[in-house]
Amino acid sequence: MKANNQVKDIIYVHKNTDRQYVVSFGIHFNEFASNARKPLKNLLLIKHQYEHGAFNIHTHMEYVERDEMKKIMNDGVQSYGDFCWIDFEEEVGVNELNGQEIAELLYMGHIKQPLNPPFYSKLNNRYAYLSQDDGWFNKVYYRDFEDFFYMLGATVSSKLSTIKGGKGLFGMKKEKAYPAISQEVIRSFGDHLNEGMVISLEKAVLTRAKIEIPVWVVGDYDDMDEMMEDYRQMRKTPENGLLSYDRKTKSWNALLR
């Protein structure tokens, strides 16, 4: 079993701009879905253990309709092992997929990488979501990286009030929800994101005036045990940047070292 407290307390992200994907650690599906820039529509389930999906006869795959989304968000997908899906607008588009496209989806779910860019006009999908032990190793392909910047900013701020027991991050009375970190602030970490960085909620520093969340550049990892090991060494060194929240103005800023 993975160390769930570690998954809550840090976020690792590595953005591959050329191939249009982000590898992450510490972001679960329910957080991804809750903090999406636009609500998820329908999910075509490629690899999963969800037992309540509808069956698509054409692809022999199950799917989740938008009005069932809350159910799968609360289903504990991190216990599935592999959890892979692609979103779609209408089932009629799924029924238009040809044999080659269905084979590509099955290959992508099995190997965790697509044969071709995984964006289909028939589905009008924004994502291809590929995870192992969801929240431990996630690889998400984005049609538009603005969706990633938005989701990450919203997820970091929402995590602040949910970790370290019921009292919020600092063992103090929970504050009202923090505003989402803007896409502009997240985008300003461009090079750090491309190299692979950890946002360390566990090392956040609280004062009356502000909250500072340190960021370390750790590199490119597929093995999250290795990433955690290296991060534990890196966190003893000066951080490479900060996400800073001003309590008075209720605004977020990025500080790069």
Protein backbone atom coordinates (compact mmCIF):
# COMPACT_ATOMS: atom_id res chain seq x y z
CA MET A 1 0.00 0.00 0.00
CA LYS A 2 1.31 3.43 -0.91
CA ALA A 3 1.86 6.03 1.79
CA ASN A 4 -1.33 8.06 1.46
CA ASN A 5 -0.14 10.86 3.73
CA GLN A 6 2.76 11.49 1.34
CA VAL A 7 0.34 11.64 -1.58
CA LYS A 8 -1.67 14.28 0.29
CA ASP A 9 1.26 16.39 1.40
CA ILE A 10 3.22 16.89 -1.82
CA ILE A 11 2.39 17.26 -5.50
CA TYR A 12 4.88 16.32 -8.20
CA VAL A 13 4.32 17.49 -11.77
CA HIS A 14 6.40 17.04 -14.90
CA LYS A 15 5.08 18.65 -18.08
CA ASN A 16 6.11 17.29 -21.49
CA THR A 17 5.12 20.09 -23.83
CA ASP A 18 6.03 18.36 -27.11
CA ARG A 19 4.03 15.22 -26.38
CA GLN A 20 1.19 17.09 -24.66
CA TYR A 21 1.16 15.22 -21.37
CA VAL A 22 1.82 15.78 -17.67
CA VAL A 23 3.06 13.10 -15.27
CA SER A 24 1.92 13.73 -11.71
CA PHE A 25 1.97 12.35 -8.19
CA GLY A 26 -0.36 13.52 -5.42
CA ILE A 27 -3.41 14.47 -7.51
CA HIS A 28 -6.31 12.01 -7.34
CA PHE A 29 -9.06 11.59 -9.92
CA ASN A 30 -11.70 13.15 -7.66
CA GLU A 31 -9.48 16.23 -7.25
CA PHE A 32 -8.81 16.34 -10.99
CA ALA A 33 -12.54 16.12 -11.76
CA SER A 34 -13.60 18.58 -9.02
CA ASN A 35 -11.06 21.17 -10.18
CA ALA A 36 -11.40 20.78 -13.95
CA ARG A 37 -11.71 24.04 -15.89
CA LYS A 38 -14.88 22.70 -17.53
CA PRO A 39 -16.96 19.90 -15.96
CA LEU A 40 -16.15 16.45 -17.34
CA LYS A 41 -18.83 15.30 -19.77
CA ASN A 42 -18.74 11.53 -20.30
CA LEU A 43 -15.91 9.03 -19.70
CA LEU A 44 -15.13 6.03 -21.90
CA LEU A 45 -13.49 3.62 -19.45
CA ILE A 46 -10.49 1.82 -20.97
CA LYS A 47 -9.06 0.16 -17.83
CA HIS A 48 -10.93 0.24 -14.54
CA GLN A 49 -12.81 -1.70 -11.87
CA TYR A 50 -15.88 0.51 -11.79
CA GLU A 51 -19.00 -1.63 -11.50
CA HIS A 52 -21.76 0.84 -12.30
CA GLY A 53 -20.91 1.96 -15.85
CA ALA A 54 -23.17 1.69 -18.88
CA PHE A 55 -22.05 -0.70 -21.66
CA ASN A 56 -21.23 0.51 -25.17
CA ILE A 57 -21.89 -2.37 -27.58
CA HIS A 58 -19.78 -0.93 -30.41
CA THR A 59 -16.51 -0.72 -28.45
CA HIS A 60 -17.34 -3.34 -25.78
CA MET A 61 -16.23 -0.71 -23.25
CA GLU A 62 -18.13 0.72 -20.34
CA TYR A 63 -18.73 4.43 -19.93
CA VAL A 64 -19.86 6.94 -17.31
CA GLU A 65 -22.35 9.64 -18.21
CA ARG A 66 -21.99 13.13 -16.81
CA ASP A 67 -24.88 12.75 -14.35
CA GLU A 68 -23.12 9.68 -12.84
CA MET A 69 -19.78 11.49 -12.42
CA LYS A 70 -20.15 12.01 -8.66
CA LYS A 71 -20.59 8.25 -8.20
CA ILE A 72 -17.29 7.33 -9.82
CA MET A 73 -15.53 10.27 -8.10
CA ASN A 74 -16.51 8.69 -4.77
CA ASP A 75 -15.70 5.11 -5.76
CA GLY A 76 -12.11 4.94 -4.48
CA VAL A 77 -10.49 4.61 -7.90
CA GLN A 78 -7.01 4.63 -6.29
CA SER A 79 -7.70 1.00 -5.31
CA TYR A 80 -8.37 -0.09 -8.92
CA GLY A 81 -4.72 -0.48 -9.92
CA ASP A 82 -4.91 0.74 -13.51
CA PHE A 83 -7.48 3.47 -14.16
CA CYS A 84 -7.56 4.78 -17.72
CA TRP A 85 -10.21 6.73 -19.58
CA ILE A 86 -10.84 9.19 -22.37
CA ASP A 87 -13.63 11.76 -22.24
CA PHE A 88 -16.23 12.19 -24.99
CA GLU A 89 -19.11 14.49 -25.86
CA GLU A 90 -21.78 12.17 -27.28
CA GLU A 91 -22.16 8.39 -27.48
CA VAL A 92 -22.86 8.70 -31.20
CA GLY A 93 -19.18 9.70 -31.57
CA VAL A 94 -18.04 6.59 -29.68
CA ASN A 95 -20.13 4.48 -32.07
CA GLU A 96 -18.27 6.03 -35.03
CA LEU A 97 -14.81 4.89 -33.82
CA ASN A 98 -13.27 2.46 -36.29
CA GLY A 99 -11.36 -0.72 -35.45
CA GLN A 100 -7.98 1.01 -35.67
CA GLU A 101 -9.08 3.75 -33.22
CA ILE A 102 -10.52 1.22 -30.75
CA ALA A 103 -7.25 -0.76 -30.97
CA GLU A 104 -5.30 2.46 -30.29
CA LEU A 105 -7.34 3.08 -27.12
CA LEU A 106 -6.74 -0.47 -25.87
CA TYR A 107 -3.01 -0.17 -26.62
CA MET A 108 -2.87 3.18 -24.80
CA GLY A 109 -4.54 1.72 -21.70
CA HIS A 110 -2.16 -1.24 -21.70
CA ILE A 111 1.16 0.52 -22.42
CA LYS A 112 0.27 3.92 -20.86
CA GLN A 113 1.21 5.81 -23.99
CA PRO A 114 -0.66 6.37 -27.25
CA LEU A 115 0.42 5.27 -30.72
CA ASN A 116 -0.79 8.64 -32.08
CA PRO A 117 -1.86 11.88 -30.37
CA PRO A 118 -4.89 10.69 -28.35
CA PHE A 119 -7.33 13.37 -29.48
CA TYR A 120 -10.23 12.26 -31.66
CA SER A 121 -12.55 14.61 -33.52
CA LYS A 122 -15.32 11.97 -33.18
CA LEU A 123 -15.07 12.20 -29.39
CA ASN A 124 -14.02 15.86 -29.10
CA ASN A 125 -12.05 14.81 -26.01
CA ARG A 126 -9.96 17.19 -23.92
CA TYR A 127 -8.01 14.48 -22.08
CA ALA A 128 -6.60 10.99 -22.09
CA TYR A 129 -6.14 9.96 -18.45
CA LEU A 130 -3.80 7.07 -17.63
CA SER A 131 -3.03 6.12 -14.03
CA GLN A 132 -1.54 3.34 -11.94
CA ASP A 133 -2.64 3.44 -8.29
CA ASP A 134 -4.43 6.70 -9.01
CA GLY A 135 -2.71 9.62 -7.31
CA TRP A 136 0.58 7.72 -7.20
CA PHE A 137 1.40 7.74 -10.93
CA ASN A 138 -0.85 9.68 -13.29
CA LYS A 139 -0.14 10.54 -16.90
CA VAL A 140 -2.67 12.88 -18.48
CA TYR A 141 -2.66 14.05 -22.10
CA TYR A 142 -4.10 17.55 -22.55
CA ARG A 143 -5.51 18.96 -25.75
CA ASP A 144 -5.09 22.40 -24.15
CA PHE A 145 -2.53 22.98 -21.39
CA GLU A 146 -4.68 25.82 -20.00
CA ASP A 147 -6.82 22.98 -18.58
CA PHE A 148 -3.76 21.71 -16.71
CA PHE A 149 -2.73 25.14 -15.35
CA TYR A 150 -6.28 25.76 -14.12
CA MET A 151 -6.66 22.29 -12.53
CA LEU A 152 -3.29 22.47 -10.75
CA GLY A 153 -3.94 25.95 -9.32
CA ALA A 154 -7.37 24.96 -8.06
CA THR A 155 -6.11 21.65 -6.64
CA VAL A 156 -3.24 23.17 -4.65
CA SER A 157 -5.49 25.74 -2.99
CA SER A 158 -8.22 23.17 -2.25
CA LYS A 159 -5.69 20.80 -0.66
CA LEU A 160 -4.59 23.48 1.80
CA SER A 161 -7.76 23.15 3.86
CA THR A 162 -8.15 19.37 3.66
CA ILE A 163 -4.84 17.86 4.79
CA LYS A 164 -3.29 17.22 8.21
CA GLY A 165 -6.43 15.91 9.89
CA GLY A 166 -9.63 17.90 10.09
CA LYS A 167 -8.11 21.14 11.27
CA GLY A 168 -6.52 22.31 8.06
CA LEU A 169 -2.88 22.37 7.09
CA PHE A 170 -1.42 23.95 10.21
CA GLY A 171 -3.44 22.22 12.93
CA MET A 172 -5.43 25.41 13.30
CA LYS A 173 -9.08 26.09 12.79
CA LYS A 174 -9.95 25.74 9.12
CA GLU A 175 -10.14 28.96 7.18
CA LYS A 176 -12.66 29.65 4.50
CA ALA A 177 -11.68 28.11 1.19
CA TYR A 178 -8.60 29.67 -0.34
CA PRO A 179 -9.04 31.23 -3.78
CA ALA A 180 -7.72 29.13 -6.65
CA ILE A 181 -4.21 29.95 -7.83
CA SER A 182 -4.54 31.59 -11.24
CA GLN A 183 -3.34 30.01 -14.47
CA GLU A 184 -0.94 32.94 -14.89
CA VAL A 185 0.76 32.21 -11.56
CA ILE A 186 1.09 28.47 -12.33
CA ARG A 187 2.25 29.21 -15.88
CA SER A 188 5.07 31.38 -14.54
CA PHE A 189 6.75 28.18 -13.26
CA GLY A 190 7.18 27.16 -16.92
CA ASP A 191 10.77 25.90 -16.88
CA HIS A 192 10.35 24.27 -13.47
CA LEU A 193 7.26 22.41 -14.71
CA ASN A 194 9.14 21.25 -17.80
CA GLU A 195 12.00 19.95 -15.66
CA GLY A 196 9.76 18.28 -13.06
CA MET A 197 8.93 19.99 -9.76
CA VAL A 198 7.50 19.25 -6.33
CA ILE A 199 4.99 21.60 -4.67
CA SER A 200 5.57 20.83 -0.99
CA LEU A 201 2.46 21.43 1.12
CA GLU A 202 4.18 19.62 4.00
CA LYS A 203 6.87 22.33 4.11
CA ALA A 204 4.47 25.27 3.82
CA VAL A 205 5.19 28.13 6.24
CA LEU A 206 2.38 30.05 7.89
CA THR A 207 2.55 33.56 9.31
CA ARG A 208 -0.20 36.01 10.17
CA ALA A 209 0.45 37.84 6.92
CA LYS A 210 1.00 35.02 4.42
CA ILE A 211 1.40 31.37 3.52
CA GLU A 212 4.46 30.27 1.56
CA ILE A 213 4.54 26.89 -0.18
CA PRO A 214 8.03 25.93 -1.35
CA VAL A 215 8.75 24.40 -4.75
CA TRP A 216 11.75 22.23 -5.61
CA VAL A 217 12.93 21.21 -9.08
CA VAL A 218 13.61 17.47 -8.78
CA GLY A 219 13.71 16.23 -12.38
CA ASP A 220 11.90 13.80 -14.68
CA TYR A 221 10.59 10.57 -13.07
CA ASP A 222 8.41 7.61 -13.97
CA ASP A 223 9.31 5.82 -10.73
CA MET A 224 7.61 7.70 -7.90
CA ASP A 225 9.49 5.85 -5.15
CA GLU A 226 12.68 7.22 -6.69
CA MET A 227 11.16 10.69 -6.97
CA MET A 228 10.17 10.63 -3.28
CA GLU A 229 13.65 9.50 -2.27
CA ASP A 230 15.30 12.33 -4.21
CA TYR A 231 12.78 14.88 -2.98
CA ARG A 232 13.61 13.97 0.65
CA GLN A 233 17.19 14.96 -0.08
CA MET A 234 16.24 18.09 -2.06
CA ARG A 235 13.98 19.48 0.67
CA LYS A 236 17.05 19.95 2.87
CA THR A 237 18.39 22.47 0.34
CA PRO A 238 17.06 25.98 -0.47
CA GLU A 239 13.85 25.87 -2.49
CA ASN A 240 13.71 26.84 -6.18
CA GLY A 241 10.58 28.94 -5.78
CA LEU A 242 7.54 29.72 -3.67
CA LEU A 243 3.80 29.91 -4.08
CA SER A 244 2.93 32.81 -1.82
CA TYR A 245 -0.55 33.66 -0.51
CA ASP A 246 -1.15 37.15 0.89
CA ARG A 247 -3.82 36.88 3.57
CA LYS A 248 -4.76 40.56 3.39
CA THR A 249 -5.28 40.82 -0.37
CA LYS A 250 -6.30 37.14 -0.67
CA SER A 251 -4.04 36.81 -3.69
CA TRP A 252 -1.44 34.31 -4.89
CA ASN A 253 1.95 35.08 -6.39
CA ALA A 254 4.88 33.07 -7.71
CA LEU A 255 8.40 33.76 -6.50
CA LEU A 256 11.15 32.11 -8.55
CA ARG A 257 14.68 31.62 -7.29
